[in-house]
Amino acid sequence: MNNPNKTDPADGVPHRSFVEDYLPALLAQASNLISGEFHKVARHNGFSVSEWRVLASLAGSEAISIGQLAQTTVMKQPTVTRVLDRMTQRGHVERLAHGSDRRITLVRITLAGEQAVGQLMELAREHEQRVLEPFGLESAEALKNTLRRMIELHRNLPGGENDDGESEEEGDLA
């Protein structure tokens, strides 16, 4: 990582490698580290990382399409479908027909799913607070607002696939 001994003689600013100063790399590293911390908690509480992502994404919200859920959970749609199959059997989620488009399947969390994930969401909020505490409430909220805006601006842009048509690997989302 950053070598504090390597400074630019012209301005005295520490030299950083490309990935140490490249936003996507920094976001990916931060997400991987912070999510990894919480994924241990999720597994300890009996949830796979995929189950946690799905339940957390559905909790407190209206039914959404499986495609939207895949985007929100940063998982491939076939993976989401397999996770939903398991979770439906456990009674944590249910599938619904779309009101006007039979090609779309909606999914929503059940009361049992809300109850199952409730305590874990409290633990997630505590984890988030510990992560953000060193930066202060104002900076933490500014960071979240910036990230929300980035997501909004880039959500529907082409991407997520390499030039050779291969999908990117699933990302880490706490």
C-alpha atoms as a PDB file:
ATOM      1  CA  MET A   1       0.000   0.000   0.000  1.00  0.00           C
ATOM      2  CA  ASN A   2       1.053   3.576   0.482  1.00  0.00           C
ATOM      3  CA  ASN A   3       4.723   3.923   1.314  1.00  0.00           C
ATOM      4  CA  PRO A   4       5.070   7.032   3.527  1.00  0.00           C
ATOM      5  CA  ASN A   5       8.777   7.185   2.647  1.00  0.00           C
ATOM      6  CA  LYS A   6       8.010   7.789  -1.040  1.00  0.00           C
ATOM      7  CA  THR A   7       7.130  11.447  -1.465  1.00  0.00           C
ATOM      8  CA  ASP A   8       7.194  13.649  -4.522  1.00  0.00           C
ATOM      9  CA  PRO A   9      10.219  15.930  -4.081  1.00  0.00           C
ATOM     10  CA  ALA A  10       8.420  18.742  -5.912  1.00  0.00           C
ATOM     11  CA  ASP A  11       5.426  19.027  -3.572  1.00  0.00           C
ATOM     12  CA  GLY A  12       6.170  16.722  -0.629  1.00  0.00           C
ATOM     13  CA  VAL A  13       2.937  14.771  -1.220  1.00  0.00           C
ATOM     14  CA  PRO A  14       3.166  11.016  -0.630  1.00  0.00           C
ATOM     15  CA  HIS A  15       3.256   9.021  -3.865  1.00  0.00           C
ATOM     16  CA  ARG A  16       0.437   6.532  -4.344  1.00  0.00           C
ATOM     17  CA  SER A  17       0.219   3.671  -6.776  1.00  0.00           C
ATOM     18  CA  PHE A  18      -2.600   3.713  -9.309  1.00  0.00           C
ATOM     19  CA  VAL A  19      -4.956   1.489  -7.283  1.00  0.00           C
ATOM     20  CA  GLU A  20      -4.268   3.450  -4.109  1.00  0.00           C
ATOM     21  CA  ASP A  21      -5.751   6.496  -5.813  1.00  0.00           C
ATOM     22  CA  TYR A  22      -8.361   4.902  -8.146  1.00  0.00           C
ATOM     23  CA  LEU A  23     -11.932   5.227  -6.882  1.00  0.00           C
ATOM     24  CA  PRO A  24     -13.284   1.847  -8.094  1.00  0.00           C
ATOM     25  CA  ALA A  25     -10.340   0.021  -6.516  1.00  0.00           C
ATOM     26  CA  LEU A  26     -10.734   1.931  -3.250  1.00  0.00           C
ATOM     27  CA  LEU A  27     -14.496   1.253  -3.151  1.00  0.00           C
ATOM     28  CA  ALA A  28     -13.945  -2.441  -3.860  1.00  0.00           C
ATOM     29  CA  GLN A  29     -11.285  -2.776  -1.173  1.00  0.00           C
ATOM     30  CA  ALA A  30     -13.338  -0.901   1.430  1.00  0.00           C
ATOM     31  CA  SER A  31     -16.433  -2.949   0.581  1.00  0.00           C
ATOM     32  CA  ASN A  32     -14.530  -6.222   0.748  1.00  0.00           C
ATOM     33  CA  LEU A  33     -12.978  -5.428   4.130  1.00  0.00           C
ATOM     34  CA  ILE A  34     -16.081  -3.976   5.790  1.00  0.00           C
ATOM     35  CA  SER A  35     -18.481  -6.531   4.310  1.00  0.00           C
ATOM     36  CA  GLY A  36     -16.143  -9.356   5.270  1.00  0.00           C
ATOM     37  CA  GLU A  37     -16.271  -8.260   8.890  1.00  0.00           C
ATOM     38  CA  PHE A  38     -20.049  -8.427   8.914  1.00  0.00           C
ATOM     39  CA  HIS A  39     -20.326 -11.588   6.851  1.00  0.00           C
ATOM     40  CA  LYS A  40     -18.710 -13.426   9.763  1.00  0.00           C
ATOM     41  CA  VAL A  41     -21.533 -12.160  11.984  1.00  0.00           C
ATOM     42  CA  ALA A  42     -24.180 -13.211   9.445  1.00  0.00           C
ATOM     43  CA  ARG A  43     -22.732 -16.737   9.176  1.00  0.00           C
ATOM     44  CA  HIS A  44     -22.456 -16.987  12.962  1.00  0.00           C
ATOM     45  CA  ASN A  45     -26.191 -16.185  13.098  1.00  0.00           C
ATOM     46  CA  GLY A  46     -27.087 -18.945  10.644  1.00  0.00           C
ATOM     47  CA  PHE A  47     -27.311 -16.965   7.387  1.00  0.00           C
ATOM     48  CA  SER A  48     -25.234 -17.401   4.273  1.00  0.00           C
ATOM     49  CA  VAL A  49     -23.911 -14.161   2.811  1.00  0.00           C
ATOM     50  CA  SER A  50     -26.374 -14.513  -0.083  1.00  0.00           C
ATOM     51  CA  GLU A  51     -29.328 -15.041   2.267  1.00  0.00           C
ATOM     52  CA  TRP A  52     -28.294 -12.020   4.306  1.00  0.00           C
ATOM     53  CA  ARG A  53     -28.052  -9.854   1.181  1.00  0.00           C
ATOM     54  CA  VAL A  54     -31.490 -10.941  -0.045  1.00  0.00           C
ATOM     55  CA  LEU A  55     -33.268 -10.527   3.288  1.00  0.00           C
ATOM     56  CA  ALA A  56     -31.610  -7.184   4.018  1.00  0.00           C
ATOM     57  CA  SER A  57     -32.554  -5.939   0.539  1.00  0.00           C
ATOM     58  CA  LEU A  58     -36.188  -6.993   0.906  1.00  0.00           C
ATOM     59  CA  ALA A  59     -36.738  -6.011   4.540  1.00  0.00           C
ATOM     60  CA  GLY A  60     -39.111  -3.106   4.962  1.00  0.00           C
ATOM     61  CA  SER A  61     -39.745  -2.683   1.245  1.00  0.00           C
ATOM     62  CA  GLU A  62     -42.334  -3.497  -1.374  1.00  0.00           C
ATOM     63  CA  ALA A  63     -42.095  -6.530  -3.647  1.00  0.00           C
ATOM     64  CA  ILE A  64     -39.434  -6.132  -6.355  1.00  0.00           C
ATOM     65  CA  SER A  65     -38.486  -8.092  -9.443  1.00  0.00           C
ATOM     66  CA  ILE A  66     -35.839 -10.756  -9.252  1.00  0.00           C
ATOM     67  CA  GLY A  67     -33.762  -8.690 -11.699  1.00  0.00           C
ATOM     68  CA  GLN A  68     -33.924  -5.654  -9.414  1.00  0.00           C
ATOM     69  CA  LEU A  69     -33.033  -7.864  -6.456  1.00  0.00           C
ATOM     70  CA  ALA A  70     -30.011  -9.236  -8.313  1.00  0.00           C
ATOM     71  CA  GLN A  71     -28.829  -5.698  -9.003  1.00  0.00           C
ATOM     72  CA  THR A  72     -29.368  -4.563  -5.418  1.00  0.00           C
ATOM     73  CA  THR A  73     -27.668  -7.607  -3.884  1.00  0.00           C
ATOM     74  CA  VAL A  74     -24.780  -7.465  -6.373  1.00  0.00           C
ATOM     75  CA  MET A  75     -25.352 -11.091  -7.354  1.00  0.00           C
ATOM     76  CA  LYS A  76     -26.017 -12.786 -10.658  1.00  0.00           C
ATOM     77  CA  GLN A  77     -29.664 -13.479 -11.367  1.00  0.00           C
ATOM     78  CA  PRO A  78     -29.298 -17.316 -11.485  1.00  0.00           C
ATOM     79  CA  THR A  79     -27.626 -17.177  -8.061  1.00  0.00           C
ATOM     80  CA  VAL A  80     -30.467 -15.055  -6.686  1.00  0.00           C
ATOM     81  CA  THR A  81     -33.010 -17.515  -8.089  1.00  0.00           C
ATOM     82  CA  ARG A  82     -31.296 -20.449  -6.330  1.00  0.00           C
ATOM     83  CA  VAL A  83     -31.118 -18.523  -3.056  1.00  0.00           C
ATOM     84  CA  LEU A  84     -34.799 -17.600  -3.380  1.00  0.00           C
ATOM     85  CA  ASP A  85     -35.691 -21.263  -3.904  1.00  0.00           C
ATOM     86  CA  ARG A  86     -34.076 -22.155  -0.560  1.00  0.00           C
ATOM     87  CA  MET A  87     -35.555 -19.151   1.206  1.00  0.00           C
ATOM     88  CA  THR A  88     -39.047 -19.830  -0.153  1.00  0.00           C
ATOM     89  CA  GLN A  89     -38.871 -23.357   1.266  1.00  0.00           C
ATOM     90  CA  ARG A  90     -37.974 -21.870   4.661  1.00  0.00           C
ATOM     91  CA  GLY A  91     -40.861 -19.414   4.430  1.00  0.00           C
ATOM     92  CA  HIS A  92     -38.631 -16.317   4.444  1.00  0.00           C
ATOM     93  CA  VAL A  93     -39.691 -14.981   1.034  1.00  0.00           C
ATOM     94  CA  GLU A  94     -42.519 -15.446  -1.413  1.00  0.00           C
ATOM     95  CA  ARG A  95     -42.817 -15.008  -5.146  1.00  0.00           C
ATOM     96  CA  LEU A  96     -45.694 -13.063  -6.686  1.00  0.00           C
ATOM     97  CA  ALA A  97     -46.954 -12.563 -10.206  1.00  0.00           C
ATOM     98  CA  HIS A  98     -46.422  -9.111 -11.668  1.00  0.00           C
ATOM     99  CA  GLY A  99     -49.723  -7.281 -12.105  1.00  0.00           C
ATOM    100  CA  SER A 100     -49.312  -6.460 -15.793  1.00  0.00           C
ATOM    101  CA  ASP A 101     -46.317  -8.435 -17.120  1.00  0.00           C
ATOM    102  CA  ARG A 102     -46.403 -12.223 -16.800  1.00  0.00           C
ATOM    103  CA  ARG A 103     -42.701 -12.416 -17.695  1.00  0.00           C
ATOM    104  CA  ILE A 104     -41.747 -10.691 -14.443  1.00  0.00           C
ATOM    105  CA  THR A 105     -41.736 -12.448 -11.098  1.00  0.00           C
ATOM    106  CA  LEU A 106     -41.800 -10.303  -7.995  1.00  0.00           C
ATOM    107  CA  VAL A 107     -40.420 -11.307  -4.636  1.00  0.00           C
ATOM    108  CA  ARG A 108     -41.071 -10.009  -1.152  1.00  0.00           C
ATOM    109  CA  ILE A 109     -40.041 -10.881   2.355  1.00  0.00           C
ATOM    110  CA  THR A 110     -42.549 -12.668   4.579  1.00  0.00           C
ATOM    111  CA  LEU A 111     -43.289 -11.933   8.208  1.00  0.00           C
ATOM    112  CA  ALA A 112     -41.170 -14.967   9.104  1.00  0.00           C
ATOM    113  CA  GLY A 113     -38.329 -13.537   7.003  1.00  0.00           C
ATOM    114  CA  GLU A 114     -38.636 -10.130   8.670  1.00  0.00           C
ATOM    115  CA  GLN A 115     -38.500 -11.791  12.081  1.00  0.00           C
ATOM    116  CA  ALA A 116     -35.557 -13.978  11.094  1.00  0.00           C
ATOM    117  CA  VAL A 117     -33.459 -11.049   9.878  1.00  0.00           C
ATOM    118  CA  GLY A 118     -34.536  -8.417  12.429  1.00  0.00           C
ATOM    119  CA  GLN A 119     -31.797  -9.083  14.979  1.00  0.00           C
ATOM    120  CA  LEU A 120     -29.175  -9.368  12.265  1.00  0.00           C
ATOM    121  CA  MET A 121     -30.136  -5.945  10.890  1.00  0.00           C
ATOM    122  CA  GLU A 122     -29.645  -4.474  14.373  1.00  0.00           C
ATOM    123  CA  LEU A 123     -26.180  -6.035  14.466  1.00  0.00           C
ATOM    124  CA  ALA A 124     -25.512  -4.631  10.979  1.00  0.00           C
ATOM    125  CA  ARG A 125     -26.441  -1.112  12.133  1.00  0.00           C
ATOM    126  CA  GLU A 126     -24.109  -1.471  15.134  1.00  0.00           C
ATOM    127  CA  HIS A 127     -21.320  -2.621  12.804  1.00  0.00           C
ATOM    128  CA  GLU A 128     -21.992   0.310  10.478  1.00  0.00           C
ATOM    129  CA  GLN A 129     -21.847   2.720  13.411  1.00  0.00           C
ATOM    130  CA  ARG A 130     -18.456   1.334  14.500  1.00  0.00           C
ATOM    131  CA  VAL A 131     -17.144   1.656  10.931  1.00  0.00           C
ATOM    132  CA  LEU A 132     -18.360   5.244  10.487  1.00  0.00           C
ATOM    133  CA  GLU A 133     -17.761   6.551  14.016  1.00  0.00           C
ATOM    134  CA  PRO A 134     -14.177   7.723  13.373  1.00  0.00           C
ATOM    135  CA  PHE A 135     -15.450  10.042  10.619  1.00  0.00           C
ATOM    136  CA  GLY A 136     -18.278  11.736  12.490  1.00  0.00           C
ATOM    137  CA  LEU A 137     -21.986  11.827  11.712  1.00  0.00           C
ATOM    138  CA  GLU A 138     -21.818  14.652   9.161  1.00  0.00           C
ATOM    139  CA  SER A 139     -19.001  13.073   7.136  1.00  0.00           C
ATOM    140  CA  ALA A 140     -20.654   9.654   7.301  1.00  0.00           C
ATOM    141  CA  GLU A 141     -23.941  11.027   5.955  1.00  0.00           C
ATOM    142  CA  ALA A 142     -22.098  12.963   3.235  1.00  0.00           C
ATOM    143  CA  LEU A 143     -20.318   9.762   2.181  1.00  0.00           C
ATOM    144  CA  LYS A 144     -23.600   7.843   2.022  1.00  0.00           C
ATOM    145  CA  ASN A 145     -25.252  10.619   0.010  1.00  0.00           C
ATOM    146  CA  THR A 146     -22.311  10.684  -2.413  1.00  0.00           C
ATOM    147  CA  LEU A 147     -22.469   6.910  -2.871  1.00  0.00           C
ATOM    148  CA  ARG A 148     -26.257   7.003  -3.387  1.00  0.00           C
ATOM    149  CA  ARG A 149     -25.797   9.659  -6.052  1.00  0.00           C
ATOM    150  CA  MET A 150     -23.039   7.649  -7.772  1.00  0.00           C
ATOM    151  CA  ILE A 151     -25.308   4.609  -7.829  1.00  0.00           C
ATOM    152  CA  GLU A 152     -28.176   6.680  -9.206  1.00  0.00           C
ATOM    153  CA  LEU A 153     -26.016   8.161 -11.955  1.00  0.00           C
ATOM    154  CA  HIS A 154     -24.431   4.861 -12.998  1.00  0.00           C
ATOM    155  CA  ARG A 155     -27.197   2.307 -12.384  1.00  0.00           C
ATOM    156  CA  ASN A 156     -28.500   2.237 -15.958  1.00  0.00           C
ATOM    157  CA  LEU A 157     -25.270   2.895 -17.808  1.00  0.00           C
ATOM    158  CA  PRO A 158     -23.735   0.103 -19.888  1.00  0.00           C
ATOM    159  CA  GLY A 159     -21.313  -1.911 -17.811  1.00  0.00           C
ATOM    160  CA  GLY A 160     -20.986  -4.950 -15.633  1.00  0.00           C
ATOM    161  CA  GLU A 161     -19.576  -6.913 -18.511  1.00  0.00           C
ATOM    162  CA  ASN A 162     -16.090  -7.081 -19.855  1.00  0.00           C
ATOM    163  CA  ASP A 163     -15.468  -6.328 -23.529  1.00  0.00           C
ATOM    164  CA  ASP A 164     -15.330 -10.072 -24.158  1.00  0.00           C
ATOM    165  CA  GLY A 165     -18.875 -10.457 -22.804  1.00  0.00           C
ATOM    166  CA  GLU A 166     -17.918 -12.092 -19.512  1.00  0.00           C
ATOM    167  CA  SER A 167     -19.829 -10.894 -16.467  1.00  0.00           C
ATOM    168  CA  GLU A 168     -17.946  -9.358 -13.606  1.00  0.00           C
ATOM    169  CA  GLU A 169     -17.601 -11.410 -10.456  1.00  0.00           C
ATOM    170  CA  GLU A 170     -20.120 -10.807  -7.730  1.00  0.00           C
ATOM    171  CA  GLY A 171     -19.152  -7.963  -5.453  1.00  0.00           C
ATOM    172  CA  ASP A 172     -19.192  -7.784  -1.678  1.00  0.00           C
ATOM    173  CA  LEU A 173     -22.157  -6.056  -0.121  1.00  0.00           C
ATOM    174  CA  ALA A 174     -22.679  -5.969   3.599  1.00  0.00           C
END
